[in-house]
Amino acid sequence: MQVVVLPVARRDFRNLGRDVARRIEGTIDALARNPRPSGSRLLRGHASRTWRVRVGDWRILYDVDYAGGLVTILRVLHRSQAY
């Protein structure tokens, strides 16, 4: 699958510390191989394709389009801001 990061998610990513950014980058790379890793959850109240995956205290919110083979990273937020 192809991974696309929205501009707002790029801004979120730039505000992270180096260690956290490295861990999140690894998780985003893994989403290309497996868009539903262990621990990922489908969000209720959002579009039916919106998922979240935890990386420590951070959350990656993303959409999966299986037909188009596309994972779109929507946001990278601290857990206090993600919900």
PDB file of N, CA and C in Angstrom:
ATOM      1  N   MET A   1       0.835  -1.183   0.000  1.00  0.00           N
ATOM      2  CA  MET A   1       0.000   0.000   0.000  1.00  0.00           C
ATOM      3  C   MET A   1       0.883   1.251   0.000  1.00  0.00           C
ATOM      4  N   GLN A   2       0.342   2.290  -0.547  1.00  0.00           N
ATOM      5  CA  GLN A   2       1.033   3.578  -0.577  1.00  0.00           C
ATOM      6  C   GLN A   2       0.580   4.411   0.618  1.00  0.00           C
ATOM      7  N   VAL A   3       1.503   5.137   1.217  1.00  0.00           N
ATOM      8  CA  VAL A   3       1.190   5.992   2.360  1.00  0.00           C
ATOM      9  C   VAL A   3       1.306   7.452   1.930  1.00  0.00           C
ATOM     10  N   VAL A   4       0.250   8.230   2.221  1.00  0.00           N
ATOM     11  CA  VAL A   4       0.234   9.663   1.949  1.00  0.00           C
ATOM     12  C   VAL A   4       0.023  10.383   3.279  1.00  0.00           C
ATOM     13  N   VAL A   5       0.835  11.389   3.538  1.00  0.00           N
ATOM     14  CA  VAL A   5       0.733  12.164   4.780  1.00  0.00           C
ATOM     15  C   VAL A   5       0.165  13.534   4.435  1.00  0.00           C
ATOM     16  N   LEU A   6      -0.973  13.859   5.026  1.00  0.00           N
ATOM     17  CA  LEU A   6      -1.586  15.157   4.788  1.00  0.00           C
ATOM     18  C   LEU A   6      -0.717  16.278   5.366  1.00  0.00           C
ATOM     19  N   PRO A   7      -0.799  17.488   4.804  1.00  0.00           N
ATOM     20  CA  PRO A   7       0.018  18.606   5.304  1.00  0.00           C
ATOM     21  C   PRO A   7      -0.164  18.880   6.800  1.00  0.00           C
ATOM     22  N   VAL A   8      -1.380  18.766   7.310  1.00  0.00           N
ATOM     23  CA  VAL A   8      -1.596  19.010   8.742  1.00  0.00           C
ATOM     24  C   VAL A   8      -0.865  17.960   9.581  1.00  0.00           C
ATOM     25  N   ALA A   9      -0.803  16.726   9.100  1.00  0.00           N
ATOM     26  CA  ALA A   9      -0.070  15.679   9.815  1.00  0.00           C
ATOM     27  C   ALA A   9       1.435  15.929   9.732  1.00  0.00           C
ATOM     28  N   ARG A  10       1.898  16.478   8.616  1.00  0.00           N
ATOM     29  CA  ARG A  10       3.326  16.835   8.504  1.00  0.00           C
ATOM     30  C   ARG A  10       3.692  17.903   9.539  1.00  0.00           C
ATOM     31  N   ARG A  11       2.807  18.879   9.735  1.00  0.00           N
ATOM     32  CA  ARG A  11       3.048  19.906  10.757  1.00  0.00           C
ATOM     33  C   ARG A  11       3.066  19.278  12.144  1.00  0.00           C
ATOM     34  N   ASP A  12       2.120  18.363  12.409  1.00  0.00           N
ATOM     35  CA  ASP A  12       2.118  17.662  13.698  1.00  0.00           C
ATOM     36  C   ASP A  12       3.452  16.952  13.912  1.00  0.00           C
ATOM     37  N   PHE A  13       3.917  16.286  12.869  1.00  0.00           N
ATOM     38  CA  PHE A  13       5.146  15.493  12.944  1.00  0.00           C
ATOM     39  C   PHE A  13       6.361  16.369  13.219  1.00  0.00           C
ATOM     40  N   ARG A  14       6.413  17.550  12.608  1.00  0.00           N
ATOM     41  CA  ARG A  14       7.561  18.457  12.795  1.00  0.00           C
ATOM     42  C   ARG A  14       7.672  18.954  14.233  1.00  0.00           C
ATOM     43  N   ASN A  15       6.573  18.961  14.970  1.00  0.00           N
ATOM     44  CA  ASN A  15       6.583  19.461  16.346  1.00  0.00           C
ATOM     45  C   ASN A  15       6.979  18.407  17.374  1.00  0.00           C
ATOM     46  N   LEU A  16       7.292  17.200  16.918  1.00  0.00           N
ATOM     47  CA  LEU A  16       7.644  16.112  17.834  1.00  0.00           C
ATOM     48  C   LEU A  16       9.134  16.141  18.167  1.00  0.00           C
ATOM     49  N   GLY A  17       9.456  15.554  19.304  1.00  0.00           N
ATOM     50  CA  GLY A  17      10.862  15.369  19.642  1.00  0.00           C
ATOM     51  C   GLY A  17      11.484  14.322  18.731  1.00  0.00           C
ATOM     52  N   ARG A  18      12.798  14.309  18.659  1.00  0.00           N
ATOM     53  CA  ARG A  18      13.508  13.414  17.743  1.00  0.00           C
ATOM     54  C   ARG A  18      13.209  11.934  18.003  1.00  0.00           C
ATOM     55  N   ASP A  19      13.240  11.509  19.264  1.00  0.00           N
ATOM     56  CA  ASP A  19      13.006  10.098  19.583  1.00  0.00           C
ATOM     57  C   ASP A  19      11.580   9.677  19.242  1.00  0.00           C
ATOM     58  N   VAL A  20      10.620  10.505  19.607  1.00  0.00           N
ATOM     59  CA  VAL A  20       9.214  10.206  19.315  1.00  0.00           C
ATOM     60  C   VAL A  20       8.985  10.189  17.812  1.00  0.00           C
ATOM     61  N   ALA A  21       9.563  11.146  17.109  1.00  0.00           N
ATOM     62  CA  ALA A  21       9.401  11.219  15.657  1.00  0.00           C
ATOM     63  C   ALA A  21       9.948   9.967  14.985  1.00  0.00           C
ATOM     64  N   ARG A  22      11.067   9.467  15.458  1.00  0.00           N
ATOM     65  CA  ARG A  22      11.657   8.254  14.894  1.00  0.00           C
ATOM     66  C   ARG A  22      10.734   7.048  15.092  1.00  0.00           C
ATOM     67  N   ARG A  23      10.161   6.931  16.286  1.00  0.00           N
ATOM     68  CA  ARG A  23       9.246   5.809  16.555  1.00  0.00           C
ATOM     69  C   ARG A  23       7.988   5.915  15.704  1.00  0.00           C
ATOM     70  N   ILE A  24       7.458   7.117  15.578  1.00  0.00           N
ATOM     71  CA  ILE A  24       6.240   7.312  14.787  1.00  0.00           C
ATOM     72  C   ILE A  24       6.533   7.073  13.314  1.00  0.00           C
ATOM     73  N   GLU A  25       7.683   7.502  12.842  1.00  0.00           N
ATOM     74  CA  GLU A  25       8.059   7.272  11.448  1.00  0.00           C
ATOM     75  C   GLU A  25       8.131   5.778  11.147  1.00  0.00           C
ATOM     76  N   GLY A  26       8.676   5.001  12.071  1.00  0.00           N
ATOM     77  CA  GLY A  26       8.730   3.552  11.894  1.00  0.00           C
ATOM     78  C   GLY A  26       7.346   2.933  11.835  1.00  0.00           C
ATOM     79  N   THR A  27       6.439   3.427  12.659  1.00  0.00           N
ATOM     80  CA  THR A  27       5.069   2.922  12.658  1.00  0.00           C
ATOM     81  C   THR A  27       4.364   3.283  11.355  1.00  0.00           C
ATOM     82  N   ILE A  28       4.578   4.490  10.859  1.00  0.00           N
ATOM     83  CA  ILE A  28       3.965   4.908   9.592  1.00  0.00           C
ATOM     84  C   ILE A  28       4.493   4.045   8.449  1.00  0.00           C
ATOM     85  N   ASP A  29       5.784   3.754   8.449  1.00  0.00           N
ATOM     86  CA  ASP A  29       6.353   2.870   7.420  1.00  0.00           C
ATOM     87  C   ASP A  29       5.723   1.481   7.489  1.00  0.00           C
ATOM     88  N   ALA A  30       5.483   0.986   8.696  1.00  0.00           N
ATOM     89  CA  ALA A  30       4.876  -0.331   8.868  1.00  0.00           C
ATOM     90  C   ALA A  30       3.426  -0.358   8.383  1.00  0.00           C
ATOM     91  N   LEU A  31       2.734   0.773   8.436  1.00  0.00           N
ATOM     92  CA  LEU A  31       1.350   0.822   7.955  1.00  0.00           C
ATOM     93  C   LEU A  31       1.253   0.532   6.463  1.00  0.00           C
ATOM     94  N   ALA A  32       2.310   0.783   5.713  1.00  0.00           N
ATOM     95  CA  ALA A  32       2.313   0.462   4.280  1.00  0.00           C
ATOM     96  C   ALA A  32       2.242  -1.045   4.063  1.00  0.00           C
ATOM     97  N   ARG A  33       2.849  -1.807   4.959  1.00  0.00           N
ATOM     98  CA  ARG A  33       2.830  -3.269   4.845  1.00  0.00           C
ATOM     99  C   ARG A  33       1.588  -3.879   5.474  1.00  0.00           C
ATOM    100  N   ASN A  34       1.142  -3.291   6.589  1.00  0.00           N
ATOM    101  CA  ASN A  34       0.000  -3.825   7.314  1.00  0.00           C
ATOM    102  C   ASN A  34      -0.806  -2.655   7.876  1.00  0.00           C
ATOM    103  N   PRO A  35      -1.889  -2.245   7.194  1.00  0.00           N
ATOM    104  CA  PRO A  35      -2.642  -1.078   7.653  1.00  0.00           C
ATOM    105  C   PRO A  35      -3.484  -1.325   8.901  1.00  0.00           C
ATOM    106  N   ARG A  36      -3.536  -2.566   9.362  1.00  0.00           N
ATOM    107  CA  ARG A  36      -4.267  -2.856  10.602  1.00  0.00           C
ATOM    108  C   ARG A  36      -3.378  -3.650  11.552  1.00  0.00           C
ATOM    109  N   PRO A  37      -2.346  -2.997  12.088  1.00  0.00           N
ATOM    110  CA  PRO A  37      -1.445  -3.706  13.002  1.00  0.00           C
ATOM    111  C   PRO A  37      -2.142  -4.038  14.319  1.00  0.00           C
ATOM    112  N   SER A  38      -1.522  -4.889  15.073  1.00  0.00           N
ATOM    113  CA  SER A  38      -2.038  -5.236  16.393  1.00  0.00           C
ATOM    114  C   SER A  38      -2.188  -3.966  17.223  1.00  0.00           C
ATOM    115  N   GLY A  39      -3.330  -3.798  17.844  1.00  0.00           N
ATOM    116  CA  GLY A  39      -3.577  -2.620  18.670  1.00  0.00           C
ATOM    117  C   GLY A  39      -4.261  -1.481  17.940  1.00  0.00           C
ATOM    118  N   SER A  40      -4.423  -1.582  16.632  1.00  0.00           N
ATOM    119  CA  SER A  40      -5.119  -0.517  15.904  1.00  0.00           C
ATOM    120  C   SER A  40      -6.617  -0.633  16.179  1.00  0.00           C
ATOM    121  N   ARG A  41      -7.286   0.501  16.159  1.00  0.00           N
ATOM    122  CA  ARG A  41      -8.727   0.538  16.450  1.00  0.00           C
ATOM    123  C   ARG A  41      -9.449   1.382  15.425  1.00  0.00           C
ATOM    124  N   LEU A  42     -10.618   0.924  15.023  1.00  0.00           N
ATOM    125  CA  LEU A  42     -11.488   1.703  14.169  1.00  0.00           C
ATOM    126  C   LEU A  42     -12.199   2.725  15.050  1.00  0.00           C
ATOM    127  N   LEU A  43     -12.135   3.989  14.685  1.00  0.00           N
ATOM    128  CA  LEU A  43     -12.744   5.036  15.500  1.00  0.00           C
ATOM    129  C   LEU A  43     -14.241   5.105  15.252  1.00  0.00           C
ATOM    130  N   ARG A  44     -14.992   5.191  16.308  1.00  0.00           N
ATOM    131  CA  ARG A  44     -16.439   5.379  16.202  1.00  0.00           C
ATOM    132  C   ARG A  44     -16.730   6.854  16.068  1.00  0.00           C
ATOM    133  N   GLY A  45     -17.786   7.181  15.341  1.00  0.00           N
ATOM    134  CA  GLY A  45     -18.165   8.568  15.182  1.00  0.00           C
ATOM    135  C   GLY A  45     -17.383   9.285  14.095  1.00  0.00           C
ATOM    136  N   HIS A  46     -16.495   8.586  13.425  1.00  0.00           N
ATOM    137  CA  HIS A  46     -15.721   9.158  12.322  1.00  0.00           C
ATOM    138  C   HIS A  46     -16.111   8.421  11.049  1.00  0.00           C
ATOM    139  N   ALA A  47     -15.499   8.778   9.961  1.00  0.00           N
ATOM    140  CA  ALA A  47     -15.718   8.051   8.714  1.00  0.00           C
ATOM    141  C   ALA A  47     -15.395   6.581   8.952  1.00  0.00           C
ATOM    142  N   SER A  48     -16.065   5.716   8.260  1.00  0.00           N
ATOM    143  CA  SER A  48     -15.934   4.282   8.517  1.00  0.00           C
ATOM    144  C   SER A  48     -14.534   3.744   8.254  1.00  0.00           C
ATOM    145  N   ARG A  49     -13.669   4.531   7.635  1.00  0.00           N
ATOM    146  CA  ARG A  49     -12.320   4.056   7.325  1.00  0.00           C
ATOM    147  C   ARG A  49     -11.264   4.658   8.228  1.00  0.00           C
ATOM    148  N   THR A  50     -11.629   5.425   9.249  1.00  0.00           N
ATOM    149  CA  THR A  50     -10.649   6.104  10.094  1.00  0.00           C
ATOM    150  C   THR A  50     -10.212   5.200  11.244  1.00  0.00           C
ATOM    151  N   TRP A  51      -8.909   4.996  11.336  1.00  0.00           N
ATOM    152  CA  TRP A  51      -8.302   4.144  12.353  1.00  0.00           C
ATOM    153  C   TRP A  51      -7.341   4.971  13.187  1.00  0.00           C
ATOM    154  N   ARG A  52      -6.943   4.400  14.326  1.00  0.00           N
ATOM    155  CA  ARG A  52      -5.892   4.994  15.131  1.00  0.00           C
ATOM    156  C   ARG A  52      -4.981   3.882  15.615  1.00  0.00           C
ATOM    157  N   VAL A  53      -3.722   4.241  15.735  1.00  0.00           N
ATOM    158  CA  VAL A  53      -2.746   3.319  16.296  1.00  0.00           C
ATOM    159  C   VAL A  53      -1.938   4.095  17.333  1.00  0.00           C
ATOM    160  N   ARG A  54      -1.639   3.435  18.431  1.00  0.00           N
ATOM    161  CA  ARG A  54      -0.893   4.060  19.525  1.00  0.00           C
ATOM    162  C   ARG A  54       0.602   3.904  19.323  1.00  0.00           C
ATOM    163  N   VAL A  55       1.324   4.958  19.661  1.00  0.00           N
ATOM    164  CA  VAL A  55       2.785   4.927  19.727  1.00  0.00           C
ATOM    165  C   VAL A  55       3.130   5.646  21.026  1.00  0.00           C
ATOM    166  N   GLY A  56       3.198   4.886  22.100  1.00  0.00           N
ATOM    167  CA  GLY A  56       3.397   5.485  23.419  1.00  0.00           C
ATOM    168  C   GLY A  56       2.213   6.360  23.769  1.00  0.00           C
ATOM    169  N   ASP A  57       2.472   7.628  24.103  1.00  0.00           N
ATOM    170  CA  ASP A  57       1.406   8.571  24.428  1.00  0.00           C
ATOM    171  C   ASP A  57       0.862   9.284  23.197  1.00  0.00           C
ATOM    172  N   TRP A  58       1.310   8.899  22.027  1.00  0.00           N
ATOM    173  CA  TRP A  58       0.921   9.553  20.775  1.00  0.00           C
ATOM    174  C   TRP A  58      -0.028   8.669  19.985  1.00  0.00           C
ATOM    175  N   ARG A  59      -0.853   9.294  19.158  1.00  0.00           N
ATOM    176  CA  ARG A  59      -1.814   8.572  18.333  1.00  0.00           C
ATOM    177  C   ARG A  59      -1.634   9.004  16.885  1.00  0.00           C
ATOM    178  N   ILE A  60      -1.644   8.022  16.002  1.00  0.00           N
ATOM    179  CA  ILE A  60      -1.634   8.284  14.569  1.00  0.00           C
ATOM    180  C   ILE A  60      -3.043   7.996  14.075  1.00  0.00           C
ATOM    181  N   LEU A  61      -3.712   8.994  13.532  1.00  0.00           N
ATOM    182  CA  LEU A  61      -5.051   8.834  12.973  1.00  0.00           C
ATOM    183  C   LEU A  61      -4.907   8.731  11.468  1.00  0.00           C
ATOM    184  N   TYR A  62      -5.525   7.700  10.892  1.00  0.00           N
ATOM    185  CA  TYR A  62      -5.349   7.468   9.460  1.00  0.00           C
ATOM    186  C   TYR A  62      -6.571   6.801   8.848  1.00  0.00           C
ATOM    187  N   ASP A  63      -6.712   6.990   7.538  1.00  0.00           N
ATOM    188  CA  ASP A  63      -7.770   6.351   6.754  1.00  0.00           C
ATOM    189  C   ASP A  63      -7.132   5.272   5.894  1.00  0.00           C
ATOM    190  N   VAL A  64      -7.895   4.208   5.642  1.00  0.00           N
ATOM    191  CA  VAL A  64      -7.425   3.128   4.777  1.00  0.00           C
ATOM    192  C   VAL A  64      -8.406   2.965   3.627  1.00  0.00           C
ATOM    193  N   ASP A  65      -7.895   3.035   2.420  1.00  0.00           N
ATOM    194  CA  ASP A  65      -8.675   2.775   1.215  1.00  0.00           C
ATOM    195  C   ASP A  65      -8.104   1.506   0.596  1.00  0.00           C
ATOM    196  N   TYR A  66      -8.728   0.362   0.921  1.00  0.00           N
ATOM    197  CA  TYR A  66      -8.221  -0.920   0.443  1.00  0.00           C
ATOM    198  C   TYR A  66      -8.325  -1.030  -1.074  1.00  0.00           C
ATOM    199  N   ALA A  67      -9.407  -0.535  -1.648  1.00  0.00           N
ATOM    200  CA  ALA A  67      -9.606  -0.630  -3.102  1.00  0.00           C
ATOM    201  C   ALA A  67      -8.532   0.162  -3.846  1.00  0.00           C
ATOM    202  N   GLY A  68      -8.183   1.317  -3.330  1.00  0.00           N
ATOM    203  CA  GLY A  68      -7.174   2.155  -3.968  1.00  0.00           C
ATOM    204  C   GLY A  68      -5.755   1.864  -3.500  1.00  0.00           C
ATOM    205  N   GLY A  69      -5.603   1.012  -2.476  1.00  0.00           N
ATOM    206  CA  GLY A  69      -4.281   0.690  -1.947  1.00  0.00           C
ATOM    207  C   GLY A  69      -3.590   1.884  -1.326  1.00  0.00           C
ATOM    208  N   LEU A  70      -4.354   2.660  -0.537  1.00  0.00           N
ATOM    209  CA  LEU A  70      -3.842   3.925  -0.018  1.00  0.00           C
ATOM    210  C   LEU A  70      -4.101   4.050   1.482  1.00  0.00           C
ATOM    211  N   VAL A  71      -3.078   4.417   2.221  1.00  0.00           N
ATOM    212  CA  VAL A  71      -3.188   4.766   3.641  1.00  0.00           C
ATOM    213  C   VAL A  71      -2.906   6.261   3.733  1.00  0.00           C
ATOM    214  N   THR A  72      -3.868   7.019   4.270  1.00  0.00           N
ATOM    215  CA  THR A  72      -3.722   8.472   4.390  1.00  0.00           C
ATOM    216  C   THR A  72      -3.566   8.834   5.855  1.00  0.00           C
ATOM    217  N   ILE A  73      -2.424   9.392   6.215  1.00  0.00           N
ATOM    218  CA  ILE A  73      -2.173   9.824   7.591  1.00  0.00           C
ATOM    219  C   ILE A  73      -2.860  11.167   7.781  1.00  0.00           C
ATOM    220  N   LEU A  74      -3.834  11.204   8.693  1.00  0.00           N
ATOM    221  CA  LEU A  74      -4.626  12.409   8.922  1.00  0.00           C
ATOM    222  C   LEU A  74      -3.998  13.334   9.956  1.00  0.00           C
ATOM    223  N   ARG A  75      -3.602  12.765  11.097  1.00  0.00           N
ATOM    224  CA  ARG A  75      -3.042  13.564  12.200  1.00  0.00           C
ATOM    225  C   ARG A  75      -2.080  12.699  12.996  1.00  0.00           C
ATOM    226  N   VAL A  76      -1.167  13.363  13.697  1.00  0.00           N
ATOM    227  CA  VAL A  76      -0.292  12.741  14.688  1.00  0.00           C
ATOM    228  C   VAL A  76      -0.436  13.603  15.926  1.00  0.00           C
ATOM    229  N   LEU A  77      -1.140  13.074  16.928  1.00  0.00           N
ATOM    230  CA  LEU A  77      -1.507  13.878  18.095  1.00  0.00           C
ATOM    231  C   LEU A  77      -1.150  13.183  19.401  1.00  0.00           C
ATOM    232  N   HIS A  78      -0.914  13.997  20.441  1.00  0.00           N
ATOM    233  CA  HIS A  78      -0.775  13.454  21.783  1.00  0.00           C
ATOM    234  C   HIS A  78      -2.125  12.903  22.211  1.00  0.00           C
ATOM    235  N   ARG A  79      -2.137  11.898  23.030  1.00  0.00           N
ATOM    236  CA  ARG A  79      -3.399  11.252  23.406  1.00  0.00           C
ATOM    237  C   ARG A  79      -4.383  12.221  24.058  1.00  0.00           C
ATOM    238  N   SER A  80      -3.893  13.268  24.693  1.00  0.00           N
ATOM    239  CA  SER A  80      -4.782  14.237  25.329  1.00  0.00           C
ATOM    240  C   SER A  80      -5.534  15.076  24.293  1.00  0.00           C
ATOM    241  N   GLN A  81      -5.052  15.133  23.070  1.00  0.00           N
ATOM    242  CA  GLN A  81      -5.674  15.928  22.021  1.00  0.00           C
ATOM    243  C   GLN A  81      -6.377  15.082  20.959  1.00  0.00           C
ATOM    244  N   ALA A  82      -6.166  13.790  20.978  1.00  0.00           N
ATOM    245  CA  ALA A  82      -6.595  12.937  19.860  1.00  0.00           C
ATOM    246  C   ALA A  82      -8.089  12.633  19.840  1.00  0.00           C
ATOM    247  N   TYR A  83      -8.769  12.778  20.972  1.00  0.00           N
ATOM    248  CA  TYR A  83     -10.172  12.309  20.982  1.00  0.00           C
ATOM    249  C   TYR A  83     -11.121  13.437  21.261  1.00  0.00           C
TER     250      TYR A  83
END
